[in-house]
């Protein structure tokens, strides 16, 4: 699961700098950089705050961060079909928020 990459993608999509997000979160840029690069984990509380600030449902961030190896082997075929479709849908949702 790569929560940091999902946060980074959502943040950039919103046109927000890492520093802007950090200021609103009350975190240092160094801390957020480590989260976005996957070197540090975030708490559920912080993740909920990120979702609120980025106006992106937490569930979308969680789905965006999901990796294939997290899916049960018997469900991977379905995952391989559904993941690209849902990713496109998420992109459209996030894009419509920036228009």
PDB file of N, CA and C in Angstrom:
ATOM      1  N   UNK A   1       0.854  -1.170   0.000  1.00  0.00           N
ATOM      2  CA  UNK A   1       0.000   0.000   0.000  1.00  0.00           C
ATOM      3  C   UNK A   1       0.897   1.229   0.000  1.00  0.00           C
ATOM      4  N   UNK A   2       0.636   2.129  -0.921  1.00  0.00           N
ATOM      5  CA  UNK A   2       1.464   3.323  -1.017  1.00  0.00           C
ATOM      6  C   UNK A   2       0.604   4.563  -0.798  1.00  0.00           C
ATOM      7  N   UNK A   3       0.297   4.798   0.466  1.00  0.00           N
ATOM      8  CA  UNK A   3      -0.526   5.955   0.840  1.00  0.00           C
ATOM      9  C   UNK A   3       0.155   7.256   0.439  1.00  0.00           C
ATOM     10  N   UNK A   4       1.462   7.337   0.633  1.00  0.00           N
ATOM     11  CA  UNK A   4       2.198   8.562   0.324  1.00  0.00           C
ATOM     12  C   UNK A   4       2.077   8.964  -1.132  1.00  0.00           C
ATOM     13  N   UNK A   5       2.182   7.999  -2.027  1.00  0.00           N
ATOM     14  CA  UNK A   5       2.053   8.300  -3.459  1.00  0.00           C
ATOM     15  C   UNK A   5       0.650   8.780  -3.785  1.00  0.00           C
ATOM     16  N   UNK A   6      -0.347   8.193  -3.141  1.00  0.00           N
ATOM     17  CA  UNK A   6      -1.736   8.610  -3.371  1.00  0.00           C
ATOM     18  C   UNK A   6      -1.964  10.031  -2.853  1.00  0.00           C
ATOM     19  N   UNK A   7      -1.381  10.339  -1.700  1.00  0.00           N
ATOM     20  CA  UNK A   7      -1.497  11.697  -1.155  1.00  0.00           C
ATOM     21  C   UNK A   7      -0.830  12.687  -2.109  1.00  0.00           C
ATOM     22  N   UNK A   8       0.362  12.348  -2.549  1.00  0.00           N
ATOM     23  CA  UNK A   8       1.100  13.233  -3.462  1.00  0.00           C
ATOM     24  C   UNK A   8       0.307  13.478  -4.744  1.00  0.00           C
ATOM     25  N   UNK A   9      -0.227  12.423  -5.317  1.00  0.00           N
ATOM     26  CA  UNK A   9      -0.991  12.547  -6.559  1.00  0.00           C
ATOM     27  C   UNK A   9      -2.224  13.428  -6.353  1.00  0.00           C
ATOM     28  N   UNK A  10      -2.928  13.222  -5.254  1.00  0.00           N
ATOM     29  CA  UNK A  10      -4.118  14.028  -4.959  1.00  0.00           C
ATOM     30  C   UNK A  10      -3.744  15.486  -4.715  1.00  0.00           C
ATOM     31  N   UNK A  11      -2.658  15.689  -3.994  1.00  0.00           N
ATOM     32  CA  UNK A  11      -2.200  17.049  -3.690  1.00  0.00           C
ATOM     33  C   UNK A  11      -1.835  17.798  -4.960  1.00  0.00           C
ATOM     34  N   UNK A  12      -1.075  17.159  -5.811  1.00  0.00           N
ATOM     35  CA  UNK A  12      -0.661  17.792  -7.071  1.00  0.00           C
ATOM     36  C   UNK A  12      -1.873  18.063  -7.951  1.00  0.00           C
ATOM     37  N   UNK A  13      -2.791  17.106  -7.991  1.00  0.00           N
ATOM     38  CA  UNK A  13      -4.012  17.261  -8.790  1.00  0.00           C
ATOM     39  C   UNK A  13      -4.803  18.490  -8.335  1.00  0.00           C
ATOM     40  N   UNK A  14      -4.744  18.785  -7.032  1.00  0.00           N
ATOM     41  CA  UNK A  14      -5.446  19.947  -6.483  1.00  0.00           C
ATOM     42  C   UNK A  14      -4.662  21.247  -6.681  1.00  0.00           C
ATOM     43  N   UNK A  15      -3.443  21.123  -7.213  1.00  0.00           N
ATOM     44  CA  UNK A  15      -2.618  22.308  -7.421  1.00  0.00           C
ATOM     45  C   UNK A  15      -2.044  22.848  -6.127  1.00  0.00           C
ATOM     46  N   UNK A  16      -1.884  21.976  -5.150  1.00  0.00           N
ATOM     47  CA  UNK A  16      -1.387  22.389  -3.847  1.00  0.00           C
ATOM     48  C   UNK A  16       0.075  21.959  -3.691  1.00  0.00           C
ATOM     49  N   UNK A  17       0.886  22.859  -3.174  1.00  0.00           N
ATOM     50  CA  UNK A  17       2.278  22.499  -2.920  1.00  0.00           C
ATOM     51  C   UNK A  17       2.355  21.681  -1.635  1.00  0.00           C
ATOM     52  N   UNK A  18       3.460  20.990  -1.506  1.00  0.00           N
ATOM     53  CA  UNK A  18       3.669  20.214  -0.292  1.00  0.00           C
ATOM     54  C   UNK A  18       3.685  21.144   0.921  1.00  0.00           C
ATOM     55  N   UNK A  19       4.302  22.308   0.769  1.00  0.00           N
ATOM     56  CA  UNK A  19       4.367  23.270   1.875  1.00  0.00           C
ATOM     57  C   UNK A  19       2.966  23.750   2.273  1.00  0.00           C
ATOM     58  N   UNK A  20       2.105  24.004   1.290  1.00  0.00           N
ATOM     59  CA  UNK A  20       0.735  24.425   1.610  1.00  0.00           C
ATOM     60  C   UNK A  20       0.000  23.358   2.412  1.00  0.00           C
ATOM     61  N   UNK A  21       0.145  22.110   1.985  1.00  0.00           N
ATOM     62  CA  UNK A  21      -0.503  21.018   2.706  1.00  0.00           C
ATOM     63  C   UNK A  21       0.054  20.918   4.124  1.00  0.00           C
ATOM     64  N   UNK A  22       1.359  21.029   4.257  1.00  0.00           N
ATOM     65  CA  UNK A  22       2.003  20.942   5.578  1.00  0.00           C
ATOM     66  C   UNK A  22       1.518  22.043   6.505  1.00  0.00           C
ATOM     67  N   UNK A  23       1.412  23.226   5.981  1.00  0.00           N
ATOM     68  CA  UNK A  23       0.950  24.360   6.788  1.00  0.00           C
ATOM     69  C   UNK A  23      -0.459  24.090   7.306  1.00  0.00           C
ATOM     70  N   UNK A  24      -1.319  23.616   6.428  1.00  0.00           N
ATOM     71  CA  UNK A  24      -2.704  23.339   6.823  1.00  0.00           C
ATOM     72  C   UNK A  24      -2.803  22.131   7.756  1.00  0.00           C
ATOM     73  N   UNK A  25      -1.862  21.206   7.630  1.00  0.00           N
ATOM     74  CA  UNK A  25      -1.852  20.018   8.476  1.00  0.00           C
ATOM     75  C   UNK A  25      -1.190  20.273   9.825  1.00  0.00           C
ATOM     76  N   UNK A  26      -0.338  21.301   9.890  1.00  0.00           N
ATOM     77  CA  UNK A  26       0.431  21.554  11.103  1.00  0.00           C
ATOM     78  C   UNK A  26       1.614  20.607  11.215  1.00  0.00           C
ATOM     79  N   UNK A  27       2.139  20.190  10.058  1.00  0.00           N
ATOM     80  CA  UNK A  27       3.286  19.284  10.015  1.00  0.00           C
ATOM     81  C   UNK A  27       4.457  19.970   9.319  1.00  0.00           C
ATOM     82  N   UNK A  28       5.647  19.444   9.541  1.00  0.00           N
ATOM     83  CA  UNK A  28       6.798  19.983   8.831  1.00  0.00           C
ATOM     84  C   UNK A  28       6.838  19.407   7.422  1.00  0.00           C
ATOM     85  N   UNK A  29       7.476  20.141   6.534  1.00  0.00           N
ATOM     86  CA  UNK A  29       7.598  19.670   5.161  1.00  0.00           C
ATOM     87  C   UNK A  29       8.455  18.409   5.106  1.00  0.00           C
ATOM     88  N   UNK A  30       9.434  18.317   5.966  1.00  0.00           N
ATOM     89  CA  UNK A  30      10.286  17.139   6.022  1.00  0.00           C
ATOM     90  C   UNK A  30       9.462  15.892   6.368  1.00  0.00           C
ATOM     91  N   UNK A  31       8.566  16.030   7.326  1.00  0.00           N
ATOM     92  CA  UNK A  31       7.704  14.922   7.732  1.00  0.00           C
ATOM     93  C   UNK A  31       6.814  14.495   6.570  1.00  0.00           C
ATOM     94  N   UNK A  32       6.186  15.463   5.903  1.00  0.00           N
ATOM     95  CA  UNK A  32       5.285  15.147   4.781  1.00  0.00           C
ATOM     96  C   UNK A  32       6.069  14.542   3.622  1.00  0.00           C
ATOM     97  N   UNK A  33       7.265  15.026   3.391  1.00  0.00           N
ATOM     98  CA  UNK A  33       8.101  14.468   2.339  1.00  0.00           C
ATOM     99  C   UNK A  33       8.373  12.991   2.595  1.00  0.00           C
ATOM    100  N   UNK A  34       8.631  12.660   3.850  1.00  0.00           N
ATOM    101  CA  UNK A  34       8.875  11.256   4.204  1.00  0.00           C
ATOM    102  C   UNK A  34       7.620  10.405   4.017  1.00  0.00           C
ATOM    103  N   UNK A  35       6.460  10.966   4.313  1.00  0.00           N
ATOM    104  CA  UNK A  35       5.201  10.243   4.094  1.00  0.00           C
ATOM    105  C   UNK A  35       4.997  10.003   2.604  1.00  0.00           C
ATOM    106  N   UNK A  36       5.141  11.063   1.810  1.00  0.00           N
ATOM    107  CA  UNK A  36       4.907  10.953   0.369  1.00  0.00           C
ATOM    108  C   UNK A  36       5.902  10.020  -0.311  1.00  0.00           C
ATOM    109  N   UNK A  37       7.098   9.916   0.233  1.00  0.00           N
ATOM    110  CA  UNK A  37       8.105   9.041  -0.381  1.00  0.00           C
ATOM    111  C   UNK A  37       8.043   7.616   0.167  1.00  0.00           C
ATOM    112  N   UNK A  38       7.119   7.368   1.100  1.00  0.00           N
ATOM    113  CA  UNK A  38       6.949   6.031   1.646  1.00  0.00           C
ATOM    114  C   UNK A  38       7.952   5.660   2.726  1.00  0.00           C
ATOM    115  N   UNK A  39       8.704   6.649   3.222  1.00  0.00           N
ATOM    116  CA  UNK A  39       9.703   6.382   4.254  1.00  0.00           C
ATOM    117  C   UNK A  39       9.117   6.436   5.662  1.00  0.00           C
ATOM    118  N   UNK A  40       7.912   6.990   5.744  1.00  0.00           N
ATOM    119  CA  UNK A  40       7.257   7.135   7.045  1.00  0.00           C
ATOM    120  C   UNK A  40       5.761   6.892   6.858  1.00  0.00           C
ATOM    121  N   UNK A  41       5.139   6.324   7.855  1.00  0.00           N
ATOM    122  CA  UNK A  41       3.706   6.073   7.787  1.00  0.00           C
ATOM    123  C   UNK A  41       2.949   7.238   8.406  1.00  0.00           C
ATOM    124  N   UNK A  42       1.695   7.353   8.020  1.00  0.00           N
ATOM    125  CA  UNK A  42       0.843   8.392   8.584  1.00  0.00           C
ATOM    126  C   UNK A  42      -0.194   7.740   9.484  1.00  0.00           C
ATOM    127  N   UNK A  43      -0.742   8.512  10.383  1.00  0.00           N
ATOM    128  CA  UNK A  43      -1.795   7.987  11.249  1.00  0.00           C
ATOM    129  C   UNK A  43      -3.136   8.107  10.541  1.00  0.00           C
ATOM    130  N   UNK A  44      -4.101   7.373  11.038  1.00  0.00           N
ATOM    131  CA  UNK A  44      -5.454   7.459  10.480  1.00  0.00           C
ATOM    132  C   UNK A  44      -5.992   8.877  10.643  1.00  0.00           C
ATOM    133  N   UNK A  45      -5.728   9.481  11.771  1.00  0.00           N
ATOM    134  CA  UNK A  45      -6.185  10.853  12.028  1.00  0.00           C
ATOM    135  C   UNK A  45      -5.584  11.818  11.004  1.00  0.00           C
ATOM    136  N   UNK A  46      -4.285  11.694  10.749  1.00  0.00           N
ATOM    137  CA  UNK A  46      -3.630  12.554   9.763  1.00  0.00           C
ATOM    138  C   UNK A  46      -4.188  12.298   8.366  1.00  0.00           C
ATOM    139  N   UNK A  47      -4.421  11.041   8.053  1.00  0.00           N
ATOM    140  CA  UNK A  47      -4.937  10.688   6.736  1.00  0.00           C
ATOM    141  C   UNK A  47      -6.330  11.267   6.514  1.00  0.00           C
ATOM    142  N   UNK A  48      -7.152  11.222   7.537  1.00  0.00           N
ATOM    143  CA  UNK A  48      -8.495  11.809   7.436  1.00  0.00           C
ATOM    144  C   UNK A  48      -8.396  13.324   7.221  1.00  0.00           C
ATOM    145  N   UNK A  49      -7.450  13.958   7.888  1.00  0.00           N
ATOM    146  CA  UNK A  49      -7.262  15.407   7.743  1.00  0.00           C
ATOM    147  C   UNK A  49      -6.763  15.741   6.338  1.00  0.00           C
ATOM    148  N   UNK A  50      -5.849  14.937   5.806  1.00  0.00           N
ATOM    149  CA  UNK A  50      -5.360  15.128   4.439  1.00  0.00           C
ATOM    150  C   UNK A  50      -6.534  15.041   3.457  1.00  0.00           C
ATOM    151  N   UNK A  51      -7.358  14.015   3.619  1.00  0.00           N
ATOM    152  CA  UNK A  51      -8.504  13.829   2.725  1.00  0.00           C
ATOM    153  C   UNK A  51      -9.432  15.040   2.782  1.00  0.00           C
ATOM    154  N   UNK A  52      -9.659  15.547   3.978  1.00  0.00           N
ATOM    155  CA  UNK A  52     -10.522  16.718   4.139  1.00  0.00           C
ATOM    156  C   UNK A  52      -9.913  17.945   3.467  1.00  0.00           C
ATOM    157  N   UNK A  53      -8.642  18.181   3.704  1.00  0.00           N
ATOM    158  CA  UNK A  53      -7.960  19.341   3.118  1.00  0.00           C
ATOM    159  C   UNK A  53      -7.933  19.249   1.592  1.00  0.00           C
ATOM    160  N   UNK A  54      -7.681  18.041   1.075  1.00  0.00           N
ATOM    161  CA  UNK A  54      -7.604  17.862  -0.377  1.00  0.00           C
ATOM    162  C   UNK A  54      -8.975  17.672  -1.020  1.00  0.00           C
ATOM    163  N   UNK A  55     -10.016  17.680  -0.187  1.00  0.00           N
ATOM    164  CA  UNK A  55     -11.381  17.501  -0.674  1.00  0.00           C
ATOM    165  C   UNK A  55     -11.480  16.243  -1.542  1.00  0.00           C
ATOM    166  N   UNK A  56     -10.861  15.181  -1.046  1.00  0.00           N
ATOM    167  CA  UNK A  56     -10.846  13.895  -1.727  1.00  0.00           C
ATOM    168  C   UNK A  56     -11.298  12.840  -0.728  1.00  0.00           C
ATOM    169  N   UNK A  57     -12.348  12.099  -1.038  1.00  0.00           N
ATOM    170  CA  UNK A  57     -12.795  11.084  -0.083  1.00  0.00           C
ATOM    171  C   UNK A  57     -11.663  10.139   0.323  1.00  0.00           C
ATOM    172  N   UNK A  58     -11.625   9.844   1.593  1.00  0.00           N
ATOM    173  CA  UNK A  58     -10.601   8.954   2.129  1.00  0.00           C
ATOM    174  C   UNK A  58     -10.586   7.624   1.389  1.00  0.00           C
ATOM    175  N   UNK A  59     -11.760   7.136   1.026  1.00  0.00           N
ATOM    176  CA  UNK A  59     -11.859   5.859   0.318  1.00  0.00           C
ATOM    177  C   UNK A  59     -11.149   5.898  -1.028  1.00  0.00           C
ATOM    178  N   UNK A  60     -11.191   7.038  -1.704  1.00  0.00           N
ATOM    179  CA  UNK A  60     -10.487   7.164  -2.982  1.00  0.00           C
ATOM    180  C   UNK A  60      -8.977   7.129  -2.768  1.00  0.00           C
ATOM    181  N   UNK A  61      -8.516   7.814  -1.744  1.00  0.00           N
ATOM    182  CA  UNK A  61      -7.079   7.800  -1.448  1.00  0.00           C
ATOM    183  C   UNK A  61      -6.639   6.376  -1.114  1.00  0.00           C
ATOM    184  N   UNK A  62      -7.441   5.679  -0.315  1.00  0.00           N
ATOM    185  CA  UNK A  62      -7.103   4.306   0.053  1.00  0.00           C
ATOM    186  C   UNK A  62      -7.066   3.400  -1.182  1.00  0.00           C
ATOM    187  N   UNK A  63      -8.047   3.543  -2.065  1.00  0.00           N
ATOM    188  CA  UNK A  63      -8.074   2.704  -3.263  1.00  0.00           C
ATOM    189  C   UNK A  63      -6.883   3.021  -4.161  1.00  0.00           C
ATOM    190  N   UNK A  64      -6.577   4.311  -4.309  1.00  0.00           N
ATOM    191  CA  UNK A  64      -5.448   4.708  -5.151  1.00  0.00           C
ATOM    192  C   UNK A  64      -4.136   4.129  -4.632  1.00  0.00           C
ATOM    193  N   UNK A  65      -4.063   3.892  -3.335  1.00  0.00           N
ATOM    194  CA  UNK A  65      -2.817   3.412  -2.742  1.00  0.00           C
ATOM    195  C   UNK A  65      -2.698   1.887  -2.758  1.00  0.00           C
ATOM    196  N   UNK A  66      -3.742   1.218  -3.162  1.00  0.00           N
ATOM    197  CA  UNK A  66      -3.780  -0.251  -3.105  1.00  0.00           C
ATOM    198  C   UNK A  66      -2.888  -0.891  -4.167  1.00  0.00           C
ATOM    199  N   UNK A  67      -2.150  -1.919  -3.753  1.00  0.00           N
ATOM    200  CA  UNK A  67      -1.293  -2.672  -4.655  1.00  0.00           C
ATOM    201  C   UNK A  67      -1.893  -4.048  -4.918  1.00  0.00           C
ATOM    202  N   UNK A  68      -1.549  -4.602  -6.050  1.00  0.00           N
ATOM    203  CA  UNK A  68      -2.081  -5.905  -6.463  1.00  0.00           C
ATOM    204  C   UNK A  68      -1.763  -6.996  -5.451  1.00  0.00           C
ATOM    205  N   UNK A  69      -0.598  -6.928  -4.848  1.00  0.00           N
ATOM    206  CA  UNK A  69      -0.206  -7.989  -3.921  1.00  0.00           C
ATOM    207  C   UNK A  69      -0.999  -7.968  -2.618  1.00  0.00           C
ATOM    208  N   UNK A  70      -1.810  -6.954  -2.411  1.00  0.00           N
ATOM    209  CA  UNK A  70      -2.667  -6.881  -1.235  1.00  0.00           C
ATOM    210  C   UNK A  70      -3.996  -7.608  -1.455  1.00  0.00           C
ATOM    211  N   UNK A  71      -4.242  -8.014  -2.674  1.00  0.00           N
ATOM    212  CA  UNK A  71      -5.486  -8.683  -3.032  1.00  0.00           C
ATOM    213  C   UNK A  71      -5.270 -10.192  -2.930  1.00  0.00           C
ATOM    214  N   UNK A  72      -6.253 -10.872  -2.412  1.00  0.00           N
ATOM    215  CA  UNK A  72      -6.160 -12.326  -2.330  1.00  0.00           C
ATOM    216  C   UNK A  72      -5.924 -12.903  -3.722  1.00  0.00           C
ATOM    217  N   UNK A  73      -5.081 -13.913  -3.835  1.00  0.00           N
ATOM    218  CA  UNK A  73      -4.763 -14.480  -5.147  1.00  0.00           C
ATOM    219  C   UNK A  73      -5.990 -14.856  -5.966  1.00  0.00           C
ATOM    220  N   UNK A  74      -7.011 -15.377  -5.304  1.00  0.00           N
ATOM    221  CA  UNK A  74      -8.209 -15.772  -6.046  1.00  0.00           C
ATOM    222  C   UNK A  74      -9.030 -14.583  -6.554  1.00  0.00           C
ATOM    223  N   UNK A  75      -8.716 -13.381  -6.088  1.00  0.00           N
ATOM    224  CA  UNK A  75      -9.439 -12.178  -6.522  1.00  0.00           C
ATOM    225  C   UNK A  75      -8.627 -11.293  -7.470  1.00  0.00           C
ATOM    226  N   UNK A  76      -7.406 -11.671  -7.757  1.00  0.00           N
ATOM    227  CA  UNK A  76      -6.527 -10.814  -8.561  1.00  0.00           C
ATOM    228  C   UNK A  76      -6.997 -10.651  -9.999  1.00  0.00           C
ATOM    229  N   UNK A  77      -7.614 -11.658 -10.566  1.00  0.00           N
ATOM    230  CA  UNK A  77      -8.113 -11.540 -11.941  1.00  0.00           C
ATOM    231  C   UNK A  77      -9.178 -10.443 -12.004  1.00  0.00           C
ATOM    232  N   UNK A  78     -10.079 -10.456 -11.044  1.00  0.00           N
ATOM    233  CA  UNK A  78     -11.109  -9.419 -10.969  1.00  0.00           C
ATOM    234  C   UNK A  78     -10.471  -8.052 -10.715  1.00  0.00           C
ATOM    235  N   UNK A  79      -9.507  -8.007  -9.810  1.00  0.00           N
ATOM    236  CA  UNK A  79      -8.791  -6.767  -9.496  1.00  0.00           C
ATOM    237  C   UNK A  79      -8.138  -6.190 -10.758  1.00  0.00           C
ATOM    238  N   UNK A  80      -7.504  -7.062 -11.549  1.00  0.00           N
ATOM    239  CA  UNK A  80      -6.830  -6.622 -12.773  1.00  0.00           C
ATOM    240  C   UNK A  80      -7.802  -6.001 -13.768  1.00  0.00           C
ATOM    241  N   UNK A  81      -9.030  -6.446 -13.750  1.00  0.00           N
ATOM    242  CA  UNK A  81     -10.056  -5.888 -14.649  1.00  0.00           C
ATOM    243  C   UNK A  81     -10.595  -4.576 -14.093  1.00  0.00           C
ATOM    244  N   UNK A  82     -10.875  -4.562 -12.807  1.00  0.00           N
ATOM    245  CA  UNK A  82     -11.569  -3.432 -12.182  1.00  0.00           C
ATOM    246  C   UNK A  82     -10.649  -2.253 -11.858  1.00  0.00           C
ATOM    247  N   UNK A  83      -9.433  -2.518 -11.437  1.00  0.00           N
ATOM    248  CA  UNK A  83      -8.524  -1.448 -10.997  1.00  0.00           C
ATOM    249  C   UNK A  83      -8.338  -0.350 -12.048  1.00  0.00           C
ATOM    250  N   UNK A  84      -8.040  -0.681 -13.324  1.00  0.00           N
ATOM    251  CA  UNK A  84      -7.869   0.396 -14.307  1.00  0.00           C
ATOM    252  C   UNK A  84      -9.147   1.204 -14.550  1.00  0.00           C
ATOM    253  N   UNK A  85     -10.267   0.537 -14.508  1.00  0.00           N
ATOM    254  CA  UNK A  85     -11.547   1.225 -14.719  1.00  0.00           C
ATOM    255  C   UNK A  85     -11.806   2.203 -13.584  1.00  0.00           C
ATOM    256  N   UNK A  86     -11.612   1.735 -12.364  1.00  0.00           N
ATOM    257  CA  UNK A  86     -11.852   2.603 -11.207  1.00  0.00           C
ATOM    258  C   UNK A  86     -10.806   3.713 -11.140  1.00  0.00           C
ATOM    259  N   UNK A  87      -9.564   3.412 -11.502  1.00  0.00           N
ATOM    260  CA  UNK A  87      -8.540   4.461 -11.533  1.00  0.00           C
ATOM    261  C   UNK A  87      -8.920   5.570 -12.506  1.00  0.00           C
ATOM    262  N   UNK A  88      -9.424   5.199 -13.681  1.00  0.00           N
ATOM    263  CA  UNK A  88      -9.877   6.208 -14.648  1.00  0.00           C
ATOM    264  C   UNK A  88     -11.014   7.033 -14.067  1.00  0.00           C
ATOM    265  N   UNK A  89     -11.924   6.369 -13.405  1.00  0.00           N
ATOM    266  CA  UNK A  89     -13.060   7.041 -12.779  1.00  0.00           C
ATOM    267  C   UNK A  89     -12.582   8.023 -11.707  1.00  0.00           C
ATOM    268  N   UNK A  90     -11.635   7.584 -10.885  1.00  0.00           N
ATOM    269  CA  UNK A  90     -11.073   8.458  -9.850  1.00  0.00           C
ATOM    270  C   UNK A  90     -10.407   9.674 -10.489  1.00  0.00           C
ATOM    271  N   UNK A  91      -9.637   9.449 -11.545  1.00  0.00           N
ATOM    272  CA  UNK A  91      -8.988  10.560 -12.248  1.00  0.00           C
ATOM    273  C   UNK A  91     -10.021  11.574 -12.738  1.00  0.00           C
ATOM    274  N   UNK A  92     -11.113  11.085 -13.272  1.00  0.00           N
ATOM    275  CA  UNK A  92     -12.174  11.985 -13.763  1.00  0.00           C
ATOM    276  C   UNK A  92     -12.793  12.782 -12.615  1.00  0.00           C
ATOM    277  N   UNK A  93     -13.008  12.129 -11.497  1.00  0.00           N
ATOM    278  CA  UNK A  93     -13.566  12.818 -10.328  1.00  0.00           C
ATOM    279  C   UNK A  93     -12.617  13.913  -9.853  1.00  0.00           C
ATOM    280  N   UNK A  94     -11.358  13.550  -9.702  1.00  0.00           N
ATOM    281  CA  UNK A  94     -10.372  14.520  -9.214  1.00  0.00           C
ATOM    282  C   UNK A  94     -10.167  15.655 -10.217  1.00  0.00           C
ATOM    283  N   UNK A  95     -10.184  15.328 -11.492  1.00  0.00           N
ATOM    284  CA  UNK A  95     -10.035  16.350 -12.524  1.00  0.00           C
ATOM    285  C   UNK A  95     -11.212  17.315 -12.509  1.00  0.00           C
ATOM    286  N   UNK A  96     -12.415  16.808 -12.308  1.00  0.00           N
ATOM    287  CA  UNK A  96     -13.596  17.670 -12.321  1.00  0.00           C
ATOM    288  C   UNK A  96     -13.582  18.641 -11.149  1.00  0.00           C
ATOM    289  N   UNK A  97     -12.898  18.295 -10.077  1.00  0.00           N
ATOM    290  CA  UNK A  97     -12.807  19.186  -8.918  1.00  0.00           C
ATOM    291  C   UNK A  97     -11.867  20.355  -9.178  1.00  0.00           C
ATOM    292  N   UNK A  98     -10.956  20.196 -10.131  1.00  0.00           N
ATOM    293  CA  UNK A  98      -9.997  21.278 -10.406  1.00  0.00           C
ATOM    294  C   UNK A  98     -10.489  22.192 -11.517  1.00  0.00           C
ATOM    295  N   UNK A  99     -11.552  21.803 -12.196  1.00  0.00           N
ATOM    296  CA  UNK A  99     -12.085  22.647 -13.300  1.00  0.00           C
ATOM    297  C   UNK A  99     -12.856  23.828 -12.780  1.00  0.00           C
TER     298      UNK A  99
END
